[in-house]
Amino acid sequence: MARHNGHDGHRTETPDVSHIRNVEVAHEPSDVSVRGVLTFVVVLTLATIAISAGLWFLFQYFNKQSAKERPPGPMSSRNLSQQDRLPPEPRLQAAPGFQVTLENGETRDLKLREPQAEYRELRAQWQSLLSTGLKDQSGNTVGMPIEQAIDKIASEGLPARTQQAPGKLEDYAISMPSDMSSGRETIKKLQ
């Protein structure tokens, strides 16, 4: 018998059970099948090797096919000019091919510039028109610079309106569809 001394001086005795045997219980083969686990590992390894080899041959085939590629067709981007490659108008700001056509027919290329560049070009054109005067399509001046217009109005003054005799109250009324006729007739109403 084995004896054990506890911390508090108490003794416990463990009975000897080495003589007890159960003949029916030794190893339970239904718990884990060693043969099944080894078979799974072998099949998994062989499948991994087969799939890797298959993918290697597939990529070799794809590489051979890409080496045999046909030349690009007539509509491909390699055969087009730089202008033909651009997307159709209107193009996005700051995109390749973005440009502004001014009123005088001049174009300004604004590709890959900040979005405010378009406004700056337009503002410069307006300043030019204000300082030199408005011109028609043939280049003739049809307006005057703003400074000259201010001086002319300051020297000549604005024209005054002539006073008209006050009219009848009905002259200020507007015609509205009447409710009683479902809109078929109109009546005059003051605002």
Protein backbone atom coordinates (compact mmCIF):
# COMPACT_ATOMS: atom_id res chain seq x y z
CA MET A 1 0.00 0.00 0.00
CA ALA A 2 1.14 3.46 -0.85
CA ARG A 3 1.11 6.03 1.83
CA HIS A 4 0.89 9.74 1.48
CA ASN A 5 1.62 12.28 4.10
CA GLY A 6 -0.54 15.37 3.77
CA HIS A 7 0.49 18.88 4.72
CA ASP A 8 -1.53 18.81 7.85
CA GLY A 9 -0.17 15.49 8.98
CA HIS A 10 -3.21 13.56 7.80
CA ARG A 11 -2.50 10.25 6.10
CA THR A 12 -4.41 8.78 3.16
CA GLU A 13 -3.98 5.29 1.86
CA THR A 14 -4.40 4.42 -1.84
CA PRO A 15 -5.37 0.83 -2.46
CA ASP A 16 -3.26 -1.26 -4.83
CA VAL A 17 -5.27 -1.88 -8.04
CA SER A 18 -2.59 -3.52 -10.15
CA HIS A 19 -4.20 -6.89 -9.84
CA ILE A 20 -7.45 -5.75 -11.54
CA ARG A 21 -7.59 -6.60 -15.27
CA ASN A 22 -10.38 -6.14 -17.83
CA VAL A 23 -9.76 -8.53 -20.69
CA GLU A 24 -12.40 -6.95 -22.97
CA VAL A 25 -10.85 -3.46 -22.93
CA ALA A 26 -7.32 -3.23 -24.34
CA HIS A 27 -7.35 -0.99 -27.48
CA GLU A 28 -10.41 0.51 -29.16
CA PRO A 29 -9.77 0.53 -32.96
CA SER A 30 -12.83 2.72 -33.62
CA ASP A 31 -11.24 5.68 -31.82
CA VAL A 32 -8.46 6.46 -34.33
CA SER A 33 -7.55 4.49 -37.42
CA VAL A 34 -3.81 4.89 -37.92
CA ARG A 35 -4.05 3.32 -41.37
CA GLY A 36 -6.79 5.84 -42.38
CA VAL A 37 -4.74 8.84 -41.20
CA LEU A 38 -1.65 7.66 -43.06
CA THR A 39 -3.71 6.99 -46.21
CA PHE A 40 -5.17 10.54 -46.04
CA VAL A 41 -1.71 12.11 -45.68
CA VAL A 42 -0.32 10.12 -48.62
CA VAL A 43 -3.33 10.96 -50.86
CA LEU A 44 -3.13 14.64 -49.87
CA THR A 45 0.58 14.77 -50.71
CA LEU A 46 0.08 13.06 -54.09
CA ALA A 47 -2.86 15.38 -54.94
CA THR A 48 -0.77 18.47 -54.06
CA ILE A 49 2.06 17.28 -56.31
CA ALA A 50 -0.35 16.47 -59.17
CA ILE A 51 -2.14 19.84 -58.96
CA SER A 52 1.17 21.75 -58.80
CA ALA A 53 2.46 19.89 -61.87
CA GLY A 54 -0.82 20.53 -63.71
CA LEU A 55 -0.67 24.26 -62.97
CA TRP A 56 2.96 24.43 -64.07
CA PHE A 57 2.06 22.82 -67.44
CA LEU A 58 -0.98 25.13 -67.79
CA PHE A 59 1.14 28.26 -67.29
CA GLN A 60 3.72 26.96 -69.76
CA TYR A 61 0.91 26.56 -72.30
CA PHE A 62 -0.34 30.12 -71.60
CA ASN A 63 3.16 31.53 -72.04
CA LYS A 64 3.50 29.81 -75.42
CA GLN A 65 0.10 31.17 -76.50
CA SER A 66 0.99 34.73 -75.53
CA ALA A 67 4.24 34.46 -77.51
CA LYS A 68 2.18 33.57 -80.62
CA GLU A 69 -0.13 36.63 -80.30
CA ARG A 70 -1.35 38.16 -83.52
CA PRO A 71 -0.38 41.75 -84.37
CA PRO A 72 -2.90 44.39 -83.24
CA GLY A 73 -5.83 45.18 -85.51
CA PRO A 74 -6.24 48.42 -87.45
CA MET A 75 -8.47 49.94 -84.72
CA SER A 76 -6.03 49.26 -81.88
CA SER A 77 -4.54 52.14 -79.98
CA ARG A 78 -1.09 51.41 -81.43
CA ASN A 79 -2.22 52.47 -84.91
CA LEU A 80 -4.12 55.62 -83.86
CA SER A 81 -2.75 59.13 -83.59
CA GLN A 82 -2.45 60.84 -80.23
CA GLN A 83 -5.57 62.95 -80.91
CA ASP A 84 -7.60 59.88 -81.95
CA ARG A 85 -6.72 58.08 -78.70
CA LEU A 86 -8.36 60.74 -76.55
CA PRO A 87 -11.88 60.16 -75.20
CA PRO A 88 -14.72 62.12 -76.79
CA GLU A 89 -15.62 65.61 -75.58
CA PRO A 90 -16.41 66.77 -72.95
CA ARG A 91 -13.30 65.58 -71.16
CA LEU A 92 -12.76 65.68 -67.44
CA GLN A 93 -10.71 68.48 -65.95
CA ALA A 94 -7.07 67.58 -65.34
CA ALA A 95 -7.34 64.65 -67.79
CA PRO A 96 -5.13 64.17 -70.85
CA GLY A 97 -6.50 66.11 -73.80
CA PHE A 98 -8.46 68.62 -71.72
CA GLN A 99 -8.34 72.03 -73.36
CA VAL A 100 -10.34 75.22 -73.48
CA THR A 101 -11.29 77.04 -76.66
CA LEU A 102 -11.51 80.78 -76.05
CA GLU A 103 -13.99 83.07 -77.81
CA ASN A 104 -11.31 84.25 -80.23
CA GLY A 105 -10.81 80.63 -81.39
CA GLU A 106 -7.52 80.16 -79.56
CA THR A 107 -7.15 76.86 -77.67
CA ARG A 108 -5.31 76.46 -74.39
CA ASP A 109 -4.08 73.03 -73.34
CA LEU A 110 -4.94 72.43 -69.68
CA LYS A 111 -4.18 68.72 -69.35
CA LEU A 112 -2.81 67.62 -66.00
CA ARG A 113 -3.20 71.10 -64.51
CA GLU A 114 -5.17 72.09 -61.44
CA PRO A 115 -8.97 72.50 -61.87
CA GLN A 116 -8.75 76.28 -61.32
CA ALA A 117 -6.63 76.68 -64.48
CA GLU A 118 -9.75 76.74 -66.63
CA TYR A 119 -11.23 79.59 -64.59
CA ARG A 120 -7.96 81.52 -64.70
CA GLU A 121 -7.85 81.32 -68.50
CA LEU A 122 -11.47 82.43 -68.75
CA ARG A 123 -10.89 85.24 -66.26
CA ALA A 124 -7.85 86.49 -68.26
CA GLN A 125 -10.00 86.49 -71.41
CA TRP A 126 -12.71 88.51 -69.65
CA GLN A 127 -10.16 91.02 -68.36
CA SER A 128 -8.81 91.40 -71.88
CA LEU A 129 -12.31 92.04 -73.25
CA LEU A 130 -13.04 94.56 -70.51
CA SER A 131 -9.84 96.49 -71.17
CA THR A 132 -9.81 96.39 -74.99
CA GLY A 133 -13.51 96.27 -75.83
CA LEU A 134 -15.74 93.56 -77.26
CA LYS A 135 -14.94 92.43 -80.80
CA ASP A 136 -17.11 90.57 -83.30
CA GLN A 137 -16.05 87.51 -85.31
CA SER A 138 -14.32 89.58 -87.97
CA GLY A 139 -12.20 91.40 -85.35
CA ASN A 140 -14.03 94.76 -85.46
CA THR A 141 -14.55 96.45 -82.13
CA VAL A 142 -18.26 96.57 -81.30
CA GLY A 143 -17.96 97.72 -77.70
CA MET A 144 -15.74 100.05 -75.76
CA PRO A 145 -13.42 99.39 -72.87
CA ILE A 146 -15.10 99.68 -69.50
CA GLU A 147 -13.00 102.68 -68.42
CA GLN A 148 -14.11 104.64 -71.51
CA ALA A 149 -17.76 103.68 -70.87
CA ILE A 150 -17.55 104.94 -67.27
CA ASP A 151 -16.00 108.23 -68.43
CA LYS A 152 -18.67 108.68 -71.15
CA ILE A 153 -21.56 108.12 -68.72
CA ALA A 154 -19.95 110.43 -66.16
CA SER A 155 -19.58 113.23 -68.72
CA GLU A 156 -22.89 112.84 -70.58
CA GLY A 157 -25.12 111.50 -67.80
CA LEU A 158 -27.82 108.88 -68.06
CA PRO A 159 -30.93 109.54 -70.14
CA ALA A 160 -34.01 110.36 -68.05
CA ARG A 161 -37.33 108.60 -68.52
CA THR A 162 -40.26 110.64 -69.66
CA GLN A 163 -43.17 110.84 -67.24
CA GLN A 164 -46.38 109.26 -68.48
CA ALA A 165 -49.80 110.26 -67.33
CA PRO A 166 -51.11 107.84 -64.75
CA GLY A 167 -53.32 105.26 -66.37
CA LYS A 168 -56.46 103.59 -65.22
CA LEU A 169 -56.28 100.97 -62.51
CA GLU A 170 -57.27 98.30 -65.02
CA ASP A 171 -54.03 98.90 -66.93
CA TYR A 172 -52.15 97.37 -64.00
CA ALA A 173 -54.40 94.31 -63.66
CA ILE A 174 -53.48 90.91 -65.06
CA SER A 175 -55.73 88.39 -66.75
CA MET A 176 -56.27 85.22 -64.76
CA PRO A 177 -58.51 82.20 -65.42
CA SER A 178 -61.69 82.39 -63.40
CA ASP A 179 -62.62 79.72 -60.90
CA MET A 180 -66.29 79.65 -61.87
CA SER A 181 -65.61 78.81 -65.51
CA SER A 182 -62.96 76.18 -64.76
CA GLY A 183 -60.40 78.29 -66.59
CA ARG A 184 -62.38 78.81 -69.82
CA GLU A 185 -62.84 82.56 -69.19
CA THR A 186 -60.41 85.08 -67.76
CA ILE A 187 -60.97 87.96 -65.37
CA LYS A 188 -58.82 90.98 -64.59
CA LYS A 189 -57.26 91.01 -61.10
CA LEU A 190 -54.97 93.45 -59.41
CA GLN A 191 -51.83 92.02 -57.91
